[in-house]
Amino acid sequence: MQYLLLILVIVILSNWQILKQFLKKRIKIKQKIYKKIDEEIIQNIVASITNGLNPRNVLSTISRTNNFEHLSKVSTTGDDLVEGIKIDTDNDLTSVSFAQVWQVCEKNGASLSPVLSSFNQQIRTENELRQELSSSLSGVKLSAYVLAFLPLIGIFLAFILGVNSIYWLANSTFGKTSLVLALILEIIGITWVRRLVKKVESFL
């Protein structure tokens, strides 16, 4: 029983960050889901404007279709689009930028279709870069998780081969010291890797 408790403590302490992330994914927290102006919406707007429809009417129609309530209101009244989109999308950067580009074109009399098409192409390029970076990070995360579980795998393999490494770790002075140092180094390593990954993910 003492050995089982020791193994359990090792698992929890050495892989606490991994377990915490796993539990977060399993706990369902109801939050308000905000939409945003994406590539498909912009493409529909550009196509409608290109067909000769009034830009504000197009924006109002598509806003109602996609449940952008405040944007739909301000697009028909002529009020500030940026404030409307901030409320509907919880201040999403891409959506706010879309509204700012729209208003600049209106104030300066520029054609909306080519400007929005360029804006959409930029969004597409950024999304591709984010996906590529996210794929690269997946490999780093997997490697970190595998390395985190290697000590446990080593203890398990030693047990299969008939070596009672748990008894040695729990009852010898050198074993206890090695166990404490191993746990400290493992926690530091996992925390360090997670901070590096989180810092990179903040740019996504």
C-alpha atoms as a PDB file:
ATOM      1  CA  MET A   1       0.000   0.000   0.000  1.00  0.00           C
ATOM      2  CA  GLN A   2       2.883   2.329   0.819  1.00  0.00           C
ATOM      3  CA  TYR A   3       4.401   1.682  -2.601  1.00  0.00           C
ATOM      4  CA  LEU A   4       1.118   2.420  -4.369  1.00  0.00           C
ATOM      5  CA  LEU A   5       0.745   5.725  -2.515  1.00  0.00           C
ATOM      6  CA  LEU A   6       4.292   6.666  -3.420  1.00  0.00           C
ATOM      7  CA  ILE A   7       3.662   5.924  -7.097  1.00  0.00           C
ATOM      8  CA  LEU A   8       0.470   7.984  -6.963  1.00  0.00           C
ATOM      9  CA  VAL A   9       2.338  10.949  -5.434  1.00  0.00           C
ATOM     10  CA  ILE A  10       5.006  10.700  -8.144  1.00  0.00           C
ATOM     11  CA  VAL A  11       2.376  10.678 -10.890  1.00  0.00           C
ATOM     12  CA  ILE A  12       0.505  13.677  -9.478  1.00  0.00           C
ATOM     13  CA  LEU A  13       3.540  15.829  -8.675  1.00  0.00           C
ATOM     14  CA  SER A  14       5.579  15.133 -11.798  1.00  0.00           C
ATOM     15  CA  ASN A  15       2.680  15.509 -14.212  1.00  0.00           C
ATOM     16  CA  TRP A  16       0.511  18.082 -12.433  1.00  0.00           C
ATOM     17  CA  GLN A  17       0.505  20.524 -15.355  1.00  0.00           C
ATOM     18  CA  ILE A  18      -0.537  17.791 -17.782  1.00  0.00           C
ATOM     19  CA  LEU A  19      -3.276  16.533 -15.469  1.00  0.00           C
ATOM     20  CA  LYS A  20      -4.546  20.078 -14.909  1.00  0.00           C
ATOM     21  CA  GLN A  21      -4.802  20.691 -18.653  1.00  0.00           C
ATOM     22  CA  PHE A  22      -6.568  17.355 -19.108  1.00  0.00           C
ATOM     23  CA  LEU A  23      -9.145  18.191 -16.423  1.00  0.00           C
ATOM     24  CA  LYS A  24      -9.771  21.629 -17.919  1.00  0.00           C
ATOM     25  CA  LYS A  25     -10.713  20.028 -21.218  1.00  0.00           C
ATOM     26  CA  ARG A  26     -13.109  17.644 -19.476  1.00  0.00           C
ATOM     27  CA  ILE A  27     -14.908  20.305 -17.398  1.00  0.00           C
ATOM     28  CA  LYS A  28     -17.615  22.003 -19.425  1.00  0.00           C
ATOM     29  CA  ILE A  29     -17.959  25.671 -18.596  1.00  0.00           C
ATOM     30  CA  LYS A  30     -20.845  27.485 -20.214  1.00  0.00           C
ATOM     31  CA  GLN A  31     -19.710  30.781 -21.643  1.00  0.00           C
ATOM     32  CA  LYS A  32     -21.188  33.219 -24.093  1.00  0.00           C
ATOM     33  CA  ILE A  33     -19.973  32.338 -27.568  1.00  0.00           C
ATOM     34  CA  TYR A  34     -18.978  35.315 -29.663  1.00  0.00           C
ATOM     35  CA  LYS A  35     -18.852  35.197 -33.441  1.00  0.00           C
ATOM     36  CA  LYS A  36     -16.401  37.056 -35.619  1.00  0.00           C
ATOM     37  CA  ILE A  37     -16.069  38.335 -39.157  1.00  0.00           C
ATOM     38  CA  ASP A  38     -14.337  35.502 -41.012  1.00  0.00           C
ATOM     39  CA  GLU A  39     -13.187  34.856 -44.581  1.00  0.00           C
ATOM     40  CA  GLU A  40     -16.499  33.424 -45.751  1.00  0.00           C
ATOM     41  CA  ILE A  41     -18.495  36.432 -44.536  1.00  0.00           C
ATOM     42  CA  ILE A  42     -16.115  38.872 -46.227  1.00  0.00           C
ATOM     43  CA  GLN A  43     -16.270  36.871 -49.460  1.00  0.00           C
ATOM     44  CA  ASN A  44     -20.067  37.063 -49.422  1.00  0.00           C
ATOM     45  CA  ILE A  45     -19.924  40.816 -48.814  1.00  0.00           C
ATOM     46  CA  VAL A  46     -17.433  41.353 -51.661  1.00  0.00           C
ATOM     47  CA  ALA A  47     -19.504  39.211 -54.044  1.00  0.00           C
ATOM     48  CA  SER A  48     -22.702  41.122 -53.238  1.00  0.00           C
ATOM     49  CA  ILE A  49     -21.043  44.543 -53.588  1.00  0.00           C
ATOM     50  CA  THR A  50     -19.435  43.473 -56.867  1.00  0.00           C
ATOM     51  CA  ASN A  51     -22.905  42.611 -58.169  1.00  0.00           C
ATOM     52  CA  GLY A  52     -23.877  46.251 -57.680  1.00  0.00           C
ATOM     53  CA  LEU A  53     -25.786  46.095 -54.409  1.00  0.00           C
ATOM     54  CA  ASN A  54     -25.611  48.924 -51.883  1.00  0.00           C
ATOM     55  CA  PRO A  55     -22.718  48.230 -49.446  1.00  0.00           C
ATOM     56  CA  ARG A  56     -24.631  49.246 -46.314  1.00  0.00           C
ATOM     57  CA  ASN A  57     -27.643  47.134 -47.307  1.00  0.00           C
ATOM     58  CA  VAL A  58     -25.333  44.200 -47.981  1.00  0.00           C
ATOM     59  CA  LEU A  59     -23.684  44.617 -44.585  1.00  0.00           C
ATOM     60  CA  SER A  60     -27.047  44.874 -42.850  1.00  0.00           C
ATOM     61  CA  THR A  61     -28.400  41.742 -44.560  1.00  0.00           C
ATOM     62  CA  ILE A  62     -25.335  39.625 -43.869  1.00  0.00           C
ATOM     63  CA  SER A  63     -25.180  40.891 -40.276  1.00  0.00           C
ATOM     64  CA  ARG A  64     -28.756  39.732 -39.665  1.00  0.00           C
ATOM     65  CA  THR A  65     -28.024  36.395 -41.333  1.00  0.00           C
ATOM     66  CA  ASN A  66     -25.018  35.800 -39.064  1.00  0.00           C
ATOM     67  CA  ASN A  67     -26.704  37.169 -35.894  1.00  0.00           C
ATOM     68  CA  PHE A  68     -24.597  40.314 -35.553  1.00  0.00           C
ATOM     69  CA  GLU A  69     -27.400  42.288 -33.915  1.00  0.00           C
ATOM     70  CA  HIS A  70     -25.585  45.523 -33.107  1.00  0.00           C
ATOM     71  CA  LEU A  71     -23.714  45.587 -36.411  1.00  0.00           C
ATOM     72  CA  SER A  72     -27.016  45.145 -38.236  1.00  0.00           C
ATOM     73  CA  LYS A  73     -28.494  48.148 -36.415  1.00  0.00           C
ATOM     74  CA  VAL A  74     -25.576  50.532 -36.963  1.00  0.00           C
ATOM     75  CA  SER A  75     -25.221  49.505 -40.601  1.00  0.00           C
ATOM     76  CA  THR A  76     -28.761  50.703 -41.323  1.00  0.00           C
ATOM     77  CA  THR A  77     -28.608  53.849 -39.178  1.00  0.00           C
ATOM     78  CA  GLY A  78     -25.194  54.937 -40.430  1.00  0.00           C
ATOM     79  CA  ASP A  79     -23.653  54.943 -36.946  1.00  0.00           C
ATOM     80  CA  ASP A  80     -20.154  53.848 -35.975  1.00  0.00           C
ATOM     81  CA  LEU A  81     -19.536  50.310 -37.259  1.00  0.00           C
ATOM     82  CA  VAL A  82     -16.550  49.749 -34.973  1.00  0.00           C
ATOM     83  CA  GLU A  83     -18.586  50.125 -31.785  1.00  0.00           C
ATOM     84  CA  GLY A  84     -21.264  47.773 -33.095  1.00  0.00           C
ATOM     85  CA  ILE A  85     -18.814  45.055 -34.087  1.00  0.00           C
ATOM     86  CA  LYS A  86     -16.964  45.337 -30.762  1.00  0.00           C
ATOM     87  CA  ILE A  87     -20.136  44.391 -28.904  1.00  0.00           C
ATOM     88  CA  ASP A  88     -21.073  41.525 -31.235  1.00  0.00           C
ATOM     89  CA  THR A  89     -17.606  39.939 -31.349  1.00  0.00           C
ATOM     90  CA  ASP A  90     -16.282  40.808 -27.872  1.00  0.00           C
ATOM     91  CA  ASN A  91     -13.678  43.157 -29.398  1.00  0.00           C
ATOM     92  CA  ASP A  92     -12.244  40.546 -31.791  1.00  0.00           C
ATOM     93  CA  LEU A  93      -9.194  42.141 -33.458  1.00  0.00           C
ATOM     94  CA  THR A  94      -9.892  40.894 -36.991  1.00  0.00           C
ATOM     95  CA  SER A  95     -13.550  41.930 -36.861  1.00  0.00           C
ATOM     96  CA  VAL A  96     -12.709  45.383 -35.494  1.00  0.00           C
ATOM     97  CA  SER A  97     -10.071  45.814 -38.203  1.00  0.00           C
ATOM     98  CA  PHE A  98     -12.700  44.902 -40.811  1.00  0.00           C
ATOM     99  CA  ALA A  99     -15.028  47.612 -39.484  1.00  0.00           C
ATOM    100  CA  GLN A 100     -12.208  50.166 -39.441  1.00  0.00           C
ATOM    101  CA  VAL A 101     -11.247  49.364 -43.037  1.00  0.00           C
ATOM    102  CA  TRP A 102     -14.889  49.688 -44.075  1.00  0.00           C
ATOM    103  CA  GLN A 103     -15.275  53.106 -42.448  1.00  0.00           C
ATOM    104  CA  VAL A 104     -12.011  54.428 -43.898  1.00  0.00           C
ATOM    105  CA  CYS A 105     -13.164  53.423 -47.387  1.00  0.00           C
ATOM    106  CA  GLU A 106     -16.522  55.124 -46.841  1.00  0.00           C
ATOM    107  CA  LYS A 107     -14.972  58.369 -45.583  1.00  0.00           C
ATOM    108  CA  ASN A 108     -12.443  58.549 -48.420  1.00  0.00           C
ATOM    109  CA  GLY A 109     -14.750  57.336 -51.163  1.00  0.00           C
ATOM    110  CA  ALA A 110     -12.589  54.305 -51.962  1.00  0.00           C
ATOM    111  CA  SER A 111     -14.004  51.210 -53.624  1.00  0.00           C
ATOM    112  CA  LEU A 112     -14.812  48.569 -51.007  1.00  0.00           C
ATOM    113  CA  SER A 113     -14.494  45.416 -53.130  1.00  0.00           C
ATOM    114  CA  PRO A 114     -10.735  45.495 -53.914  1.00  0.00           C
ATOM    115  CA  VAL A 115      -9.830  46.726 -50.419  1.00  0.00           C
ATOM    116  CA  LEU A 116     -11.897  44.022 -48.691  1.00  0.00           C
ATOM    117  CA  SER A 117     -10.503  41.396 -51.075  1.00  0.00           C
ATOM    118  CA  SER A 118      -6.957  42.396 -50.087  1.00  0.00           C
ATOM    119  CA  PHE A 119      -7.964  42.406 -46.436  1.00  0.00           C
ATOM    120  CA  ASN A 120      -9.443  38.910 -46.823  1.00  0.00           C
ATOM    121  CA  GLN A 121      -6.268  37.648 -48.483  1.00  0.00           C
ATOM    122  CA  GLN A 122      -4.260  38.948 -45.545  1.00  0.00           C
ATOM    123  CA  ILE A 123      -6.555  37.124 -43.111  1.00  0.00           C
ATOM    124  CA  ARG A 124      -6.140  33.909 -45.116  1.00  0.00           C
ATOM    125  CA  THR A 125      -2.349  34.218 -45.039  1.00  0.00           C
ATOM    126  CA  GLU A 126      -2.323  34.857 -41.280  1.00  0.00           C
ATOM    127  CA  ASN A 127      -4.601  31.859 -40.657  1.00  0.00           C
ATOM    128  CA  GLU A 128      -2.293  29.618 -42.685  1.00  0.00           C
ATOM    129  CA  LEU A 129       0.691  30.807 -40.647  1.00  0.00           C
ATOM    130  CA  ARG A 130      -1.212  30.198 -37.392  1.00  0.00           C
ATOM    131  CA  GLN A 131      -2.130  26.665 -38.482  1.00  0.00           C
ATOM    132  CA  GLU A 132       1.461  25.914 -39.438  1.00  0.00           C
ATOM    133  CA  LEU A 133       2.752  27.240 -36.124  1.00  0.00           C
ATOM    134  CA  SER A 134       0.065  25.340 -34.203  1.00  0.00           C
ATOM    135  CA  SER A 135       1.061  22.095 -35.968  1.00  0.00           C
ATOM    136  CA  SER A 136       4.693  22.683 -35.032  1.00  0.00           C
ATOM    137  CA  LEU A 137       3.715  23.267 -31.399  1.00  0.00           C
ATOM    138  CA  SER A 138       1.742  20.013 -31.314  1.00  0.00           C
ATOM    139  CA  GLY A 139       4.955  18.064 -31.874  1.00  0.00           C
ATOM    140  CA  VAL A 140       6.704  20.005 -29.110  1.00  0.00           C
ATOM    141  CA  LYS A 141       3.834  19.357 -26.670  1.00  0.00           C
ATOM    142  CA  LEU A 142       3.778  15.645 -27.481  1.00  0.00           C
ATOM    143  CA  SER A 143       7.536  15.377 -26.957  1.00  0.00           C
ATOM    144  CA  ALA A 144       7.233  17.146 -23.600  1.00  0.00           C
ATOM    145  CA  TYR A 145       4.460  14.794 -22.458  1.00  0.00           C
ATOM    146  CA  VAL A 146       6.429  11.710 -23.512  1.00  0.00           C
ATOM    147  CA  LEU A 147       9.523  12.933 -21.677  1.00  0.00           C
ATOM    148  CA  ALA A 148       7.414  13.687 -18.598  1.00  0.00           C
ATOM    149  CA  PHE A 149       6.186  10.094 -18.427  1.00  0.00           C
ATOM    150  CA  LEU A 150       9.562   8.457 -19.151  1.00  0.00           C
ATOM    151  CA  PRO A 151      10.570   8.135 -15.455  1.00  0.00           C
ATOM    152  CA  LEU A 152       7.308   6.341 -14.695  1.00  0.00           C
ATOM    153  CA  ILE A 153       7.795   4.082 -17.691  1.00  0.00           C
ATOM    154  CA  GLY A 154      11.327   3.321 -16.477  1.00  0.00           C
ATOM    155  CA  ILE A 155      10.063   2.391 -13.007  1.00  0.00           C
ATOM    156  CA  PHE A 156       7.378   0.172 -14.542  1.00  0.00           C
ATOM    157  CA  LEU A 157       9.878  -1.608 -16.808  1.00  0.00           C
ATOM    158  CA  ALA A 158      12.218  -2.159 -13.853  1.00  0.00           C
ATOM    159  CA  PHE A 159       9.331  -3.693 -11.899  1.00  0.00           C
ATOM    160  CA  ILE A 160       8.579  -6.059 -14.790  1.00  0.00           C
ATOM    161  CA  LEU A 161      12.236  -7.108 -14.907  1.00  0.00           C
ATOM    162  CA  GLY A 162      12.110  -7.908 -11.206  1.00  0.00           C
ATOM    163  CA  VAL A 163      13.916  -4.852  -9.867  1.00  0.00           C
ATOM    164  CA  ASN A 164      12.051  -3.311  -6.934  1.00  0.00           C
ATOM    165  CA  SER A 165      13.123   0.263  -7.631  1.00  0.00           C
ATOM    166  CA  ILE A 166      10.202   1.679  -5.634  1.00  0.00           C
ATOM    167  CA  TYR A 167      11.438  -0.024  -2.477  1.00  0.00           C
ATOM    168  CA  TRP A 168      14.952   1.356  -3.036  1.00  0.00           C
ATOM    169  CA  LEU A 169      13.598   4.878  -3.672  1.00  0.00           C
ATOM    170  CA  ALA A 170      11.416   4.763  -0.548  1.00  0.00           C
ATOM    171  CA  ASN A 171      13.825   3.196   1.926  1.00  0.00           C
ATOM    172  CA  SER A 172      17.370   4.289   1.067  1.00  0.00           C
ATOM    173  CA  THR A 173      18.770   7.743   1.782  1.00  0.00           C
ATOM    174  CA  PHE A 174      20.289   8.037  -1.690  1.00  0.00           C
ATOM    175  CA  GLY A 175      17.025   6.818  -3.238  1.00  0.00           C
ATOM    176  CA  LYS A 176      14.938   9.392  -1.382  1.00  0.00           C
ATOM    177  CA  THR A 177      17.350  12.160  -2.358  1.00  0.00           C
ATOM    178  CA  SER A 178      17.291  11.044  -5.982  1.00  0.00           C
ATOM    179  CA  LEU A 179      13.484  10.925  -5.938  1.00  0.00           C
ATOM    180  CA  VAL A 180      13.154  14.454  -4.549  1.00  0.00           C
ATOM    181  CA  LEU A 181      15.679  15.859  -7.028  1.00  0.00           C
ATOM    182  CA  ALA A 182      13.992  14.017  -9.895  1.00  0.00           C
ATOM    183  CA  LEU A 183      10.584  15.413  -8.965  1.00  0.00           C
ATOM    184  CA  ILE A 184      11.954  18.952  -8.701  1.00  0.00           C
ATOM    185  CA  LEU A 185      13.708  18.717 -12.071  1.00  0.00           C
ATOM    186  CA  GLU A 186      10.635  17.168 -13.708  1.00  0.00           C
ATOM    187  CA  ILE A 187       8.310  19.902 -12.429  1.00  0.00           C
ATOM    188  CA  ILE A 188      10.753  22.619 -13.505  1.00  0.00           C
ATOM    189  CA  GLY A 189      11.131  21.051 -16.948  1.00  0.00           C
ATOM    190  CA  ILE A 190       7.396  20.692 -17.572  1.00  0.00           C
ATOM    191  CA  THR A 191       6.682  24.206 -16.292  1.00  0.00           C
ATOM    192  CA  TRP A 192       9.438  25.657 -18.456  1.00  0.00           C
ATOM    193  CA  VAL A 193       8.222  23.907 -21.614  1.00  0.00           C
ATOM    194  CA  ARG A 194       4.617  24.946 -20.966  1.00  0.00           C
ATOM    195  CA  ARG A 195       5.606  28.597 -20.469  1.00  0.00           C
ATOM    196  CA  LEU A 196       7.575  28.558 -23.720  1.00  0.00           C
ATOM    197  CA  VAL A 197       4.651  27.023 -25.596  1.00  0.00           C
ATOM    198  CA  LYS A 198       2.145  29.427 -23.989  1.00  0.00           C
ATOM    199  CA  LYS A 199       4.300  32.403 -24.949  1.00  0.00           C
ATOM    200  CA  VAL A 200       4.375  31.274 -28.573  1.00  0.00           C
ATOM    201  CA  GLU A 201       0.628  30.523 -28.525  1.00  0.00           C
ATOM    202  CA  SER A 202      -0.059  34.079 -27.363  1.00  0.00           C
ATOM    203  CA  PHE A 203       0.971  35.257 -30.827  1.00  0.00           C
ATOM    204  CA  LEU A 204      -1.565  32.959 -32.536  1.00  0.00           C
END
